[in-house]
Protein backbone atom coordinates (compact mmCIF):
# COMPACT_ATOMS: atom_id res chain seq x y z
CA UNK A 1 2.74 -8.50 -14.92
CA UNK A 2 1.27 -6.69 -11.44
CA UNK A 3 -1.80 -6.59 -11.47
CA UNK A 4 -3.65 -4.33 -8.82
CA UNK A 5 -6.93 -4.18 -7.35
CA UNK A 6 -7.86 -0.72 -6.00
CA UNK A 7 -11.64 -1.54 -4.05
CA UNK A 8 -11.81 2.70 -3.09
CA UNK A 9 -9.52 4.77 -5.88
CA UNK A 10 -10.02 8.62 -5.05
CA UNK A 11 -8.43 11.51 -6.62
CA UNK A 12 -6.06 13.20 -4.41
CA UNK A 13 -5.46 16.78 -4.21
CA UNK A 14 -2.08 18.14 -1.92
CA UNK A 15 -1.99 21.28 -1.04
CA UNK A 16 1.48 22.63 0.15
CA UNK A 17 0.82 25.52 2.88
CA UNK A 18 3.46 28.18 4.94
CA UNK A 19 1.43 26.57 7.99
CA UNK A 20 -2.51 25.44 8.80
CA UNK A 21 -4.53 28.30 10.72
CA UNK A 22 -7.69 27.32 11.12
CA UNK A 23 -10.24 30.38 10.46
CA UNK A 24 -8.29 31.75 8.05
CA UNK A 25 -7.47 32.30 4.09
CA UNK A 26 -4.42 30.09 3.68
CA UNK A 27 -2.55 31.00 0.43
CA UNK A 28 -0.59 27.70 -1.11
CA UNK A 29 2.51 27.83 -2.28
CA UNK A 30 2.15 24.36 -4.59
CA UNK A 31 -0.26 21.94 -5.39
CA UNK A 32 -0.77 18.29 -7.46
CA UNK A 33 -3.09 16.49 -8.56
CA UNK A 34 -2.61 12.66 -8.32
CA UNK A 35 -4.38 9.70 -8.82
CA UNK A 36 -4.80 7.65 -5.11
CA UNK A 37 -5.58 4.40 -3.43
CA UNK A 38 -2.84 2.39 -2.18
CA UNK A 39 -3.53 0.04 -5.19
CA UNK A 40 -3.22 3.06 -7.40
CA UNK A 41 0.04 3.74 -5.89
CA UNK A 42 1.53 0.50 -5.72
CA UNK A 43 0.84 0.28 -9.50
CA UNK A 44 2.60 4.05 -9.76
CA UNK A 45 5.51 2.68 -8.27
CA UNK A 46 5.86 -0.67 -10.78
CA UNK A 47 5.74 1.71 -14.40
CA UNK A 48 7.96 3.49 -12.59
CA UNK A 49 10.43 0.66 -11.88
CA UNK A 50 9.78 0.38 -16.02
CA UNK A 51 7.49 -2.90 -15.22
CA UNK A 52 4.09 -3.54 -16.89
CA UNK A 53 1.30 -2.80 -14.26
CA UNK A 54 -2.50 -3.33 -14.67
CA UNK A 55 -4.90 -1.13 -12.40
CA UNK A 56 -8.21 -3.09 -11.91
CA UNK A 57 -10.60 0.14 -9.83
CA UNK A 58 -13.79 1.42 -9.68
CA UNK A 59 -14.73 4.66 -10.90
CA UNK A 60 -17.47 6.98 -11.56
CA UNK A 61 -18.03 10.48 -12.50
CA UNK A 62 -15.56 13.46 -13.37
CA UNK A 63 -12.96 12.13 -10.50
CA UNK A 64 -13.03 7.99 -12.34
CA UNK A 65 -12.39 10.00 -15.58
CA UNK A 66 -9.75 12.30 -14.26
CA UNK A 67 -7.80 9.55 -11.78
CA UNK A 68 -8.01 7.05 -15.32
CA UNK A 69 -6.09 10.06 -17.63
CA UNK A 70 -3.60 10.67 -15.14
CA UNK A 71 -2.70 6.94 -14.36
CA UNK A 72 -2.64 6.31 -18.45
CA UNK A 73 0.00 9.30 -18.82
CA UNK A 74 2.33 7.49 -16.36
CA UNK A 75 2.04 4.13 -18.26
CA UNK A 76 -0.37 2.35 -16.45
CA UNK A 77 -2.99 0.01 -17.70
CA UNK A 78 -6.36 0.69 -16.48
CA UNK A 79 -9.11 -2.14 -16.25
CA UNK A 80 -12.16 0.28 -15.38
CA UNK A 81 -14.73 -0.93 -13.40
CA UNK A 82 -18.22 1.76 -14.26
CA UNK A 83 -20.37 2.69 -11.24
CA UNK A 84 -22.82 4.62 -10.16
CA UNK A 85 -21.44 6.94 -7.71
CA UNK A 86 -18.33 9.41 -8.37
CA UNK A 87 -15.13 8.46 -7.22
CA UNK A 88 -14.15 9.96 -3.83
CA UNK A 89 -11.67 13.96 -3.71
CA UNK A 90 -9.27 13.69 -0.46
CA UNK A 91 -7.47 16.52 0.47
CA UNK A 92 -4.01 16.57 1.70
CA UNK A 93 -2.53 19.91 3.89
CA UNK A 94 1.20 19.45 3.96
CA UNK A 95 2.39 22.40 6.00
CA UNK A 96 6.00 23.39 5.71
CA UNK A 97 7.20 22.30 9.32
CA UNK A 98 6.57 18.75 8.40
CA UNK A 99 2.60 18.47 9.47
CA UNK A 100 0.44 16.36 7.12
CA UNK A 101 -3.24 16.57 7.34
CA UNK A 102 -5.87 14.71 5.41
CA UNK A 103 -9.20 14.84 4.31
CA UNK A 104 -10.48 11.19 3.43
CA UNK A 105 -14.08 11.69 1.72
CA UNK A 106 -16.05 8.10 1.61
CA UNK A 107 -16.66 7.10 -1.39
CA UNK A 108 -19.53 5.56 -3.47
CA UNK A 109 -21.21 2.88 -2.46
CA UNK A 110 -21.37 -0.13 -4.84
CA UNK A 111 -24.14 -2.23 -5.82
CA UNK A 112 -24.47 -5.90 -5.81
CA UNK A 113 -24.23 -5.89 -9.32
CA UNK A 114 -21.44 -3.83 -9.38
CA UNK A 115 -19.49 -5.81 -6.36
CA UNK A 116 -19.32 -8.38 -8.92
CA UNK A 117 -18.64 -6.68 -11.98
CA UNK A 118 -15.16 -5.57 -10.10
CA UNK A 119 -14.74 -9.76 -8.83
CA UNK A 120 -14.86 -10.56 -12.29
CA UNK A 121 -12.89 -7.91 -14.01
CA UNK A 122 -10.27 -8.99 -11.63
CA UNK A 123 -10.46 -12.51 -13.07
CA UNK A 124 -10.47 -11.75 -16.44
CA UNK A 125 -7.20 -9.33 -15.86
CA UNK A 126 -5.58 -11.94 -14.05
CA UNK A 127 -4.63 -14.28 -16.53
CA UNK A 128 -1.20 -12.83 -17.74
CA UNK A 129 -0.19 -11.71 -14.40
CA UNK A 130 2.61 -12.72 -11.73
CA UNK A 131 1.23 -10.93 -8.85
CA UNK A 132 -2.28 -9.62 -7.47
CA UNK A 133 -1.81 -7.03 -5.00
CA UNK A 134 -5.44 -6.40 -3.43
CA UNK A 135 -5.19 -2.79 -1.44
CA UNK A 136 -6.84 -0.29 0.84
CA UNK A 137 -9.95 -0.37 2.53
CA UNK A 138 -13.01 -1.17 1.34
CA UNK A 139 -15.77 1.29 0.09
CA UNK A 140 -19.34 1.33 0.79
CA UNK A 141 -21.41 -1.84 -0.05
CA UNK A 142 -18.80 -4.49 0.13
CA UNK A 143 -18.42 -7.04 3.58
CA UNK A 144 -15.37 -7.57 5.48
CA UNK A 145 -15.44 -10.68 3.91
CA UNK A 146 -15.03 -9.71 0.30
CA UNK A 147 -11.12 -9.53 0.25
CA UNK A 148 -11.37 -13.15 1.39
CA UNK A 149 -13.30 -14.16 -1.67
CA UNK A 150 -10.90 -12.18 -3.89
CA UNK A 151 -7.99 -14.08 -2.71
CA UNK A 152 -10.01 -17.92 -3.35
CA UNK A 153 -11.06 -16.56 -7.02
CA UNK A 154 -7.05 -15.65 -7.59
CA UNK A 155 -5.54 -18.37 -6.21
CA UNK A 156 -8.18 -20.98 -7.92
CA UNK A 157 -7.08 -19.54 -10.98
CA UNK A 158 -3.16 -20.52 -9.95
CA UNK A 159 -2.22 -16.38 -9.14
CA UNK A 160 -0.34 -15.43 -6.17
CA UNK A 161 -1.93 -12.67 -4.24
CA UNK A 162 -0.56 -9.91 -1.98
CA UNK A 163 -3.00 -8.33 0.73
CA UNK A 164 -2.35 -5.31 2.11
CA UNK A 165 -5.21 -4.28 4.06
CA UNK A 166 -6.53 -3.90 7.87
CA UNK A 167 -9.11 -4.55 10.28
CA UNK A 168 -11.73 -7.34 9.98
CA UNK A 169 -11.40 -7.59 6.41
CA UNK A 170 -7.62 -8.27 6.56
CA UNK A 171 -8.93 -10.79 9.62
CA UNK A 172 -11.57 -12.65 7.53
CA UNK A 173 -9.38 -13.08 4.53
CA UNK A 174 -6.24 -14.81 6.26
CA UNK A 175 -8.70 -17.80 6.19
CA UNK A 176 -7.65 -18.12 2.18
CA UNK A 177 -4.35 -17.90 2.94
CA UNK A 178 -3.37 -15.07 0.79
CA UNK A 179 1.09 -15.42 -0.13
CA UNK A 180 1.88 -11.99 1.16
CA UNK A 181 0.00 -9.58 3.67
CA UNK A 182 2.05 -6.05 4.84
CA UNK A 183 0.76 -4.16 7.60
CA UNK A 184 2.19 -1.58 9.10
CA UNK A 185 3.33 -1.50 13.03
CA UNK A 186 -0.41 -0.23 13.75
CA UNK A 187 -2.11 -2.28 11.54
CA UNK A 188 -0.27 -5.06 12.96
CA UNK A 189 -1.16 -4.57 16.77
CA UNK A 190 -4.72 -4.06 15.82
CA UNK A 191 -4.94 -7.89 14.76
CA UNK A 192 -3.07 -9.06 16.87
CA UNK A 193 -4.62 -7.03 19.76
CA UNK A 194 -1.70 -6.11 21.89
CA UNK A 195 0.58 -3.63 21.55
CA UNK A 196 3.99 -3.18 19.89
CA UNK A 197 6.91 -1.96 21.59
CA UNK A 198 10.06 -3.84 20.22
CA UNK A 199 11.00 -5.09 16.79
CA UNK A 200 11.18 -8.64 18.01
CA UNK A 201 7.03 -7.73 19.54
CA UNK A 202 6.75 -7.08 15.36
CA UNK A 203 8.26 -10.45 14.95
CA UNK A 204 5.48 -12.34 17.33
CA UNK A 205 2.81 -10.68 15.77
CA UNK A 206 3.53 -11.53 11.99
CA UNK A 207 4.16 -14.94 13.56
CA UNK A 208 0.76 -15.14 14.55
CA UNK A 209 -0.56 -13.71 11.41
CA UNK A 210 1.04 -16.54 9.56
CA UNK A 211 -0.58 -19.44 12.01
CA UNK A 212 -3.97 -17.65 10.54
CA UNK A 213 -3.33 -18.66 7.92
CA UNK A 214 -0.59 -15.45 5.81
CA UNK A 215 2.21 -16.95 3.76
CA UNK A 216 4.38 -14.57 4.54
CA UNK A 217 4.22 -11.03 6.70
CA UNK A 218 5.89 -8.05 4.95
CA UNK A 219 5.34 -5.63 8.71
CA UNK A 220 6.51 -1.53 7.35
CA UNK A 221 7.72 -0.04 10.70
CA UNK A 222 8.47 3.19 10.29
CA UNK A 223 12.09 5.09 10.54
CA UNK A 224 12.73 1.22 12.61
CA UNK A 225 12.86 -0.43 9.22
CA UNK A 226 10.94 -3.71 7.97
CA UNK A 227 10.50 -6.98 9.16
CA UNK A 228 9.70 -10.72 6.57
CA UNK A 229 8.41 -13.44 8.16
CA UNK A 230 7.75 -16.40 6.08
CA UNK A 231 8.43 -19.83 5.80
CA UNK A 232 12.27 -19.76 6.49
CA UNK A 233 12.57 -17.76 9.40
CA UNK A 234 12.36 -13.89 10.06
CA UNK A 235 14.24 -11.00 8.56
CA UNK A 236 15.13 -7.44 9.03
CA UNK A 237 15.78 -4.53 6.95
CA UNK A 238 17.01 -1.09 7.24
CA UNK A 239 18.03 1.69 5.49
CA UNK A 240 20.29 4.90 6.61
CA UNK A 241 18.20 7.92 5.73
CA UNK A 242 18.74 11.47 7.02
CA UNK A 243 16.16 13.04 9.11
CA UNK A 244 16.61 16.18 7.21
CA UNK A 245 15.99 14.84 4.08
CA UNK A 246 12.42 12.68 4.66
CA UNK A 247 9.81 15.16 3.06
CA UNK A 248 6.77 12.72 3.17
CA UNK A 249 5.76 9.57 4.40
CA UNK A 250 2.92 9.14 2.07
CA UNK A 251 2.64 6.09 -0.19
CA UNK A 252 5.92 4.66 1.24
CA UNK A 253 4.24 1.47 2.15
CA UNK A 254 2.58 1.37 -1.17
CA UNK A 255 6.58 1.65 -2.64
CA UNK A 256 7.54 -0.86 -0.40
CA UNK A 257 5.43 -3.68 -1.63
CA UNK A 258 6.00 -2.87 -5.10
CA UNK A 259 9.66 -3.40 -4.66
CA UNK A 260 8.84 -6.63 -2.81
CA UNK A 261 6.58 -7.57 -5.44
CA UNK A 262 9.07 -6.23 -8.30
CA UNK A 263 11.65 -8.27 -7.02
CA UNK A 264 9.87 -12.12 -6.84
CA UNK A 265 7.61 -11.20 -3.59
CA UNK A 266 10.33 -13.94 -1.86
CA UNK A 267 13.60 -13.95 0.57
CA UNK A 268 15.68 -11.23 1.28
CA UNK A 269 16.56 -9.65 -1.79
CA UNK A 270 13.20 -8.85 -2.19
CA UNK A 271 12.99 -7.92 1.18
CA UNK A 272 16.03 -5.36 0.38
CA UNK A 273 14.12 -4.02 -2.66
CA UNK A 274 11.23 -3.43 -0.44
CA UNK A 275 13.47 -1.48 1.68
CA UNK A 276 14.86 0.57 -1.01
CA UNK A 277 12.01 1.78 -2.68
CA UNK A 278 10.16 3.33 0.82
CA UNK A 279 13.07 4.46 1.78
CA UNK A 280 13.27 6.60 -1.40
CA UNK A 281 9.46 7.22 -1.47
CA UNK A 282 10.21 8.96 1.75
CA UNK A 283 12.56 11.25 0.13
CA UNK A 284 10.45 12.63 -2.35
CA UNK A 285 7.19 15.20 -2.04
CA UNK A 286 3.58 14.47 -1.95
CA UNK A 287 2.66 10.41 -2.90
CA UNK A 288 5.60 11.02 -5.54
CA UNK A 289 6.67 6.63 -6.30
CA UNK A 290 10.38 6.17 -6.59
CA UNK A 291 12.45 5.17 -9.93
CA UNK A 292 15.46 3.41 -10.02
CA UNK A 293 17.51 6.56 -9.90
CA UNK A 294 15.95 7.39 -6.99
CA UNK A 295 17.02 4.51 -4.89
CA UNK A 296 20.69 3.39 -2.69
CA UNK A 297 20.49 0.08 -2.50
CA UNK A 298 24.48 0.34 -1.08
CA UNK A 299 22.14 2.16 2.12
CA UNK A 300 20.19 -0.96 2.93
CA UNK A 301 21.07 -3.79 5.15
CA UNK A 302 19.11 -6.89 5.36
CA UNK A 303 20.20 -9.55 7.96
CA UNK A 304 18.48 -12.36 9.48
CA UNK A 305 19.93 -11.11 12.85
CA UNK A 306 16.67 -9.85 14.07
CA UNK A 307 17.73 -6.92 16.56
CA UNK A 308 14.36 -8.24 18.56
CA UNK A 309 15.05 -5.92 21.86
CA UNK A 310 15.77 -2.73 19.39
CA UNK A 311 12.82 -0.45 21.08
CA UNK A 312 10.52 1.25 17.81
CA UNK A 313 10.75 4.67 17.78
CA UNK A 314 7.62 4.95 17.95
CA UNK A 315 5.50 2.14 20.07
CA UNK A 316 1.95 1.35 18.88
CA UNK A 317 -0.53 1.17 22.05
């Protein structure tokens, strides 16, 4: 069982538009409502793969109730933490030319009692977990050290933990030695405080995070692939995806983390699964998570010969 923790979940509404014209009435050509949040997406991808997952998340108000209902219909067990504030509602505007505009609400502010209840719920739900995946931004009321406390509690219970967050929360958690951290290129550059122009730059940055405490670093580099840096060395993975086949990159990193954990969360085989899941996710609309039928493992290549001199197609400053 893979347990996910999403401290700041959301109800995500996506509208498909011919184009976004400011100040005008725009008629949507399509609409979908999904449970949102990075950890929620990981649970959705795990469930789509036919494996058991439990989602721990603070929920409040009518949006929170709808998030729980939507997850239930997808076969995901929910361990809700009741909170006084309403779960945030986010809006995504997807234009026909591929441009995506997202409006993310701040979400509720958690009280000290709600914060402790969230930690305690994770503890009780983690007894059967092979992995805990902690993902996303922290809501108001939780200090940047909150993830560090969660990592420490997970390790005390003997459970491996994967962390997908950024900024001060990521840096604070490294001192507790999370088993895996999963930044994207922008988050990786932010963590080390310098630009990334090549795959080699990304590998060096990942090695720095390992020196700060991360057991392994799984870094998404967008269309350039993914790198895995752990105690055994560095691995590079990529997949053949035609540019015309790309529909949405929303949730692709979350699908990658799910694929990595589904495959055991260690080594090149897990990296290959991460790449396959991420490549499948970008070819699906909105934040739809891939099923096994969507995967194309034959299109994935994983090698220990990392192309360190390869320039990133989207360098990060």
